[in-house]
């Protein structure tokens, strides 16, 4: 599900003034995950980012 302003309350995202490609799917987005400093457009992409981070930390 694509992020909206309501998601700021429950996710680690900030709104940017510019649109850039999502780190996971490549779709243009204005949302930035402030923990990883990556562009993230949806909850599905956030879950995939979390999975990749956990995988990397366990290696």
PDB file of N, CA and C in Angstrom:
ATOM      1  N   UNK A   1       0.833  -1.161   0.000  1.00  0.00           N
ATOM      2  CA  UNK A   1       0.000   0.000   0.000  1.00  0.00           C
ATOM      3  C   UNK A   1       0.892   1.244   0.000  1.00  0.00           C
ATOM      4  N   UNK A   2       0.620   2.163  -0.900  1.00  0.00           N
ATOM      5  CA  UNK A   2       1.419   3.381  -1.008  1.00  0.00           C
ATOM      6  C   UNK A   2       1.281   4.225   0.250  1.00  0.00           C
ATOM      7  N   UNK A   3       2.364   4.888   0.627  1.00  0.00           N
ATOM      8  CA  UNK A   3       2.353   5.722   1.817  1.00  0.00           C
ATOM      9  C   UNK A   3       1.519   6.978   1.606  1.00  0.00           C
ATOM     10  N   UNK A   4       0.961   7.473   2.701  1.00  0.00           N
ATOM     11  CA  UNK A   4       0.239   8.742   2.724  1.00  0.00           C
ATOM     12  C   UNK A   4       0.682   9.498   3.980  1.00  0.00           C
ATOM     13  N   UNK A   5       0.131  10.674   4.191  1.00  0.00           N
ATOM     14  CA  UNK A   5       0.521  11.472   5.353  1.00  0.00           C
ATOM     15  C   UNK A   5       0.209  10.762   6.672  1.00  0.00           C
ATOM     16  N   UNK A   6      -0.828   9.944   6.712  1.00  0.00           N
ATOM     17  CA  UNK A   6      -1.175   9.197   7.925  1.00  0.00           C
ATOM     18  C   UNK A   6      -0.071   8.219   8.325  1.00  0.00           C
ATOM     19  N   UNK A   7       0.680   7.716   7.356  1.00  0.00           N
ATOM     20  CA  UNK A   7       1.724   6.728   7.627  1.00  0.00           C
ATOM     21  C   UNK A   7       2.923   7.308   8.374  1.00  0.00           C
ATOM     22  N   UNK A   8       3.043   8.615   8.413  1.00  0.00           N
ATOM     23  CA  UNK A   8       4.144   9.255   9.143  1.00  0.00           C
ATOM     24  C   UNK A   8       4.062   8.894  10.628  1.00  0.00           C
ATOM     25  N   UNK A   9       2.853   8.690  11.123  1.00  0.00           N
ATOM     26  CA  UNK A   9       2.654   8.379  12.544  1.00  0.00           C
ATOM     27  C   UNK A   9       3.139   6.981  12.911  1.00  0.00           C
ATOM     28  N   UNK A  10       3.121   6.056  11.966  1.00  0.00           N
ATOM     29  CA  UNK A  10       3.412   4.652  12.280  1.00  0.00           C
ATOM     30  C   UNK A  10       4.648   4.103  11.581  1.00  0.00           C
ATOM     31  N   UNK A  11       5.318   4.892  10.775  1.00  0.00           N
ATOM     32  CA  UNK A  11       6.507   4.443  10.055  1.00  0.00           C
ATOM     33  C   UNK A  11       7.642   5.439  10.235  1.00  0.00           C
ATOM     34  N   UNK A  12       8.837   5.007   9.908  1.00  0.00           N
ATOM     35  CA  UNK A  12      10.018   5.870  10.030  1.00  0.00           C
ATOM     36  C   UNK A  12      10.250   6.613   8.720  1.00  0.00           C
ATOM     37  N   UNK A  13       9.232   7.375   8.281  1.00  0.00           N
ATOM     38  CA  UNK A  13       9.331   8.085   7.006  1.00  0.00           C
ATOM     39  C   UNK A  13       9.178   9.585   7.201  1.00  0.00           C
ATOM     40  N   UNK A  14       9.815  10.306   6.299  1.00  0.00           N
ATOM     41  CA  UNK A  14       9.711  11.757   6.217  1.00  0.00           C
ATOM     42  C   UNK A  14       9.359  12.125   4.790  1.00  0.00           C
ATOM     43  N   UNK A  15       8.670  13.255   4.622  1.00  0.00           N
ATOM     44  CA  UNK A  15       8.334  13.730   3.286  1.00  0.00           C
ATOM     45  C   UNK A  15       9.459  14.605   2.750  1.00  0.00           C
ATOM     46  N   UNK A  16       9.797  14.393   1.491  1.00  0.00           N
ATOM     47  CA  UNK A  16      10.790  15.206   0.810  1.00  0.00           C
ATOM     48  C   UNK A  16      10.071  16.147  -0.153  1.00  0.00           C
ATOM     49  N   UNK A  17      10.739  17.190  -0.576  1.00  0.00           N
ATOM     50  CA  UNK A  17      10.151  18.109  -1.555  1.00  0.00           C
ATOM     51  C   UNK A  17      10.306  17.602  -2.979  1.00  0.00           C
ATOM     52  N   UNK A  18      11.231  16.674  -3.181  1.00  0.00           N
ATOM     53  CA  UNK A  18      11.476  16.161  -4.534  1.00  0.00           C
ATOM     54  C   UNK A  18      11.094  14.687  -4.631  1.00  0.00           C
ATOM     55  N   UNK A  19      10.852  14.253  -5.844  1.00  0.00           N
ATOM     56  CA  UNK A  19      10.539  12.853  -6.111  1.00  0.00           C
ATOM     57  C   UNK A  19      11.769  12.168  -6.687  1.00  0.00           C
ATOM     58  N   UNK A  20      12.089  10.999  -6.152  1.00  0.00           N
ATOM     59  CA  UNK A  20      13.193  10.179  -6.644  1.00  0.00           C
ATOM     60  C   UNK A  20      12.755   8.726  -6.607  1.00  0.00           C
ATOM     61  N   UNK A  21      13.459   7.836  -7.323  1.00  0.00           N
ATOM     62  CA  UNK A  21      13.049   6.431  -7.377  1.00  0.00           C
ATOM     63  C   UNK A  21      13.134   5.726  -6.021  1.00  0.00           C
ATOM     64  N   UNK A  22      12.146   4.886  -5.773  1.00  0.00           N
ATOM     65  CA  UNK A  22      12.126   4.033  -4.582  1.00  0.00           C
ATOM     66  C   UNK A  22      13.322   3.083  -4.637  1.00  0.00           C
ATOM     67  N   UNK A  23      13.986   2.875  -3.516  1.00  0.00           N
ATOM     68  CA  UNK A  23      15.157   2.009  -3.423  1.00  0.00           C
ATOM     69  C   UNK A  23      14.825   0.569  -3.813  1.00  0.00           C
ATOM     70  N   UNK A  24      13.608   0.124  -3.571  1.00  0.00           N
ATOM     71  CA  UNK A  24      13.218  -1.261  -3.829  1.00  0.00           C
ATOM     72  C   UNK A  24      12.615  -1.448  -5.218  1.00  0.00           C
ATOM     73  N   UNK A  25      11.576  -0.682  -5.565  1.00  0.00           N
ATOM     74  CA  UNK A  25      10.850  -0.938  -6.821  1.00  0.00           C
ATOM     75  C   UNK A  25      11.143   0.052  -7.942  1.00  0.00           C
ATOM     76  N   UNK A  26      11.753   1.191  -7.626  1.00  0.00           N
ATOM     77  CA  UNK A  26      12.099   2.163  -8.659  1.00  0.00           C
ATOM     78  C   UNK A  26      11.026   3.184  -8.976  1.00  0.00           C
ATOM     79  N   UNK A  27       9.856   3.071  -8.356  1.00  0.00           N
ATOM     80  CA  UNK A  27       8.784   4.035  -8.606  1.00  0.00           C
ATOM     81  C   UNK A  27       9.110   5.359  -7.915  1.00  0.00           C
ATOM     82  N   UNK A  28       8.844   6.483  -8.585  1.00  0.00           N
ATOM     83  CA  UNK A  28       9.144   7.790  -8.001  1.00  0.00           C
ATOM     84  C   UNK A  28       8.329   8.021  -6.737  1.00  0.00           C
ATOM     85  N   UNK A  29       8.992   8.525  -5.704  1.00  0.00           N
ATOM     86  CA  UNK A  29       8.335   8.764  -4.420  1.00  0.00           C
ATOM     87  C   UNK A  29       8.943   9.965  -3.722  1.00  0.00           C
ATOM     88  N   UNK A  30       8.150  10.576  -2.850  1.00  0.00           N
ATOM     89  CA  UNK A  30       8.638  11.702  -2.053  1.00  0.00           C
ATOM     90  C   UNK A  30       8.979  11.278  -0.634  1.00  0.00           C
ATOM     91  N   UNK A  31       8.784  10.001  -0.288  1.00  0.00           N
ATOM     92  CA  UNK A  31       8.996   9.511   1.076  1.00  0.00           C
ATOM     93  C   UNK A  31      10.401   8.952   1.265  1.00  0.00           C
ATOM     94  N   UNK A  32      10.998   9.275   2.408  1.00  0.00           N
ATOM     95  CA  UNK A  32      12.340   8.801   2.762  1.00  0.00           C
ATOM     96  C   UNK A  32      12.260   8.093   4.113  1.00  0.00           C
ATOM     97  N   UNK A  33      12.807   6.887   4.184  1.00  0.00           N
ATOM     98  CA  UNK A  33      12.942   6.194   5.464  1.00  0.00           C
ATOM     99  C   UNK A  33      14.114   6.840   6.188  1.00  0.00           C
ATOM    100  N   UNK A  34      13.867   7.489   7.316  1.00  0.00           N
ATOM    101  CA  UNK A  34      14.948   8.232   7.966  1.00  0.00           C
ATOM    102  C   UNK A  34      15.941   7.355   8.707  1.00  0.00           C
ATOM    103  N   UNK A  35      15.643   6.089   8.910  1.00  0.00           N
ATOM    104  CA  UNK A  35      16.632   5.187   9.527  1.00  0.00           C
ATOM    105  C   UNK A  35      17.696   4.768   8.512  1.00  0.00           C
ATOM    106  N   UNK A  36      17.250   4.388   7.324  1.00  0.00           N
ATOM    107  CA  UNK A  36      18.191   3.921   6.298  1.00  0.00           C
ATOM    108  C   UNK A  36      18.592   5.022   5.323  1.00  0.00           C
ATOM    109  N   UNK A  37      17.861   6.145   5.340  1.00  0.00           N
ATOM    110  CA  UNK A  37      18.069   7.257   4.409  1.00  0.00           C
ATOM    111  C   UNK A  37      17.853   6.830   2.960  1.00  0.00           C
ATOM    112  N   UNK A  38      16.911   5.905   2.751  1.00  0.00           N
ATOM    113  CA  UNK A  38      16.564   5.425   1.411  1.00  0.00           C
ATOM    114  C   UNK A  38      15.148   5.871   1.065  1.00  0.00           C
ATOM    115  N   UNK A  39      14.898   6.049  -0.236  1.00  0.00           N
ATOM    116  CA  UNK A  39      13.554   6.357  -0.715  1.00  0.00           C
ATOM    117  C   UNK A  39      12.711   5.089  -0.662  1.00  0.00           C
ATOM    118  N   UNK A  40      11.524   5.183  -0.081  1.00  0.00           N
ATOM    119  CA  UNK A  40      10.613   4.054   0.059  1.00  0.00           C
ATOM    120  C   UNK A  40       9.203   4.545  -0.259  1.00  0.00           C
ATOM    121  N   UNK A  41       8.469   3.814  -1.125  1.00  0.00           N
ATOM    122  CA  UNK A  41       7.162   4.298  -1.564  1.00  0.00           C
ATOM    123  C   UNK A  41       5.963   3.615  -0.912  1.00  0.00           C
ATOM    124  N   UNK A  42       6.152   2.452  -0.304  1.00  0.00           N
ATOM    125  CA  UNK A  42       4.992   1.714   0.197  1.00  0.00           C
ATOM    126  C   UNK A  42       5.361   0.815   1.369  1.00  0.00           C
ATOM    127  N   UNK A  43       4.331   0.305   2.025  1.00  0.00           N
ATOM    128  CA  UNK A  43       4.571  -0.610   3.147  1.00  0.00           C
ATOM    129  C   UNK A  43       5.211  -1.907   2.668  1.00  0.00           C
ATOM    130  N   UNK A  44       4.872  -2.352   1.458  1.00  0.00           N
ATOM    131  CA  UNK A  44       5.486  -3.562   0.907  1.00  0.00           C
ATOM    132  C   UNK A  44       6.985  -3.355   0.675  1.00  0.00           C
ATOM    133  N   UNK A  45       7.340  -2.206   0.140  1.00  0.00           N
ATOM    134  CA  UNK A  45       8.758  -1.908  -0.085  1.00  0.00           C
ATOM    135  C   UNK A  45       9.490  -1.740   1.241  1.00  0.00           C
ATOM    136  N   UNK A  46       8.817  -1.196   2.252  1.00  0.00           N
ATOM    137  CA  UNK A  46       9.424  -1.056   3.573  1.00  0.00           C
ATOM    138  C   UNK A  46       9.718  -2.435   4.163  1.00  0.00           C
ATOM    139  N   UNK A  47       8.787  -3.372   4.009  1.00  0.00           N
ATOM    140  CA  UNK A  47       9.006  -4.735   4.504  1.00  0.00           C
ATOM    141  C   UNK A  47      10.190  -5.385   3.797  1.00  0.00           C
ATOM    142  N   UNK A  48      10.294  -5.166   2.486  1.00  0.00           N
ATOM    143  CA  UNK A  48      11.420  -5.730   1.728  1.00  0.00           C
ATOM    144  C   UNK A  48      12.735  -5.088   2.168  1.00  0.00           C
ATOM    145  N   UNK A  49      12.735  -3.791   2.397  1.00  0.00           N
ATOM    146  CA  UNK A  49      13.938  -3.115   2.887  1.00  0.00           C
ATOM    147  C   UNK A  49      14.346  -3.683   4.246  1.00  0.00           C
ATOM    148  N   UNK A  50      13.383  -3.851   5.137  1.00  0.00           N
ATOM    149  CA  UNK A  50      13.672  -4.426   6.457  1.00  0.00           C
ATOM    150  C   UNK A  50      14.261  -5.823   6.325  1.00  0.00           C
ATOM    151  N   UNK A  51      13.710  -6.623   5.428  1.00  0.00           N
ATOM    152  CA  UNK A  51      14.205  -7.980   5.212  1.00  0.00           C
ATOM    153  C   UNK A  51      15.653  -7.948   4.735  1.00  0.00           C
ATOM    154  N   UNK A  52      15.947  -7.054   3.796  1.00  0.00           N
ATOM    155  CA  UNK A  52      17.313  -6.946   3.265  1.00  0.00           C
ATOM    156  C   UNK A  52      18.300  -6.485   4.334  1.00  0.00           C
ATOM    157  N   UNK A  53      17.881  -5.550   5.163  1.00  0.00           N
ATOM    158  CA  UNK A  53      18.748  -5.061   6.239  1.00  0.00           C
ATOM    159  C   UNK A  53      19.041  -6.189   7.221  1.00  0.00           C
ATOM    160  N   UNK A  54      18.016  -6.919   7.611  1.00  0.00           N
ATOM    161  CA  UNK A  54      18.202  -8.035   8.549  1.00  0.00           C
ATOM    162  C   UNK A  54      19.112  -9.100   7.947  1.00  0.00           C
ATOM    163  N   UNK A  55      18.922  -9.388   6.672  1.00  0.00           N
ATOM    164  CA  UNK A  55      19.754 -10.378   5.986  1.00  0.00           C
ATOM    165  C   UNK A  55      21.217  -9.932   5.973  1.00  0.00           C
ATOM    166  N   UNK A  56      21.432  -8.654   5.703  1.00  0.00           N
ATOM    167  CA  UNK A  56      22.787  -8.105   5.651  1.00  0.00           C
ATOM    168  C   UNK A  56      23.449  -8.129   7.033  1.00  0.00           C
ATOM    169  N   UNK A  57      22.689  -7.792   8.068  1.00  0.00           N
ATOM    170  CA  UNK A  57      23.240  -7.758   9.423  1.00  0.00           C
ATOM    171  C   UNK A  57      23.583  -9.151   9.940  1.00  0.00           C
ATOM    172  N   UNK A  58      22.884 -10.159   9.452  1.00  0.00           N
ATOM    173  CA  UNK A  58      23.124 -11.537   9.908  1.00  0.00           C
ATOM    174  C   UNK A  58      24.276 -12.200   9.163  1.00  0.00           C
ATOM    175  N   UNK A  59      24.714 -11.614   8.070  1.00  0.00           N
ATOM    176  CA  UNK A  59      25.825 -12.198   7.289  1.00  0.00           C
ATOM    177  C   UNK A  59      27.161 -11.954   7.937  1.00  0.00           C
TER     178      UNK A  59
END
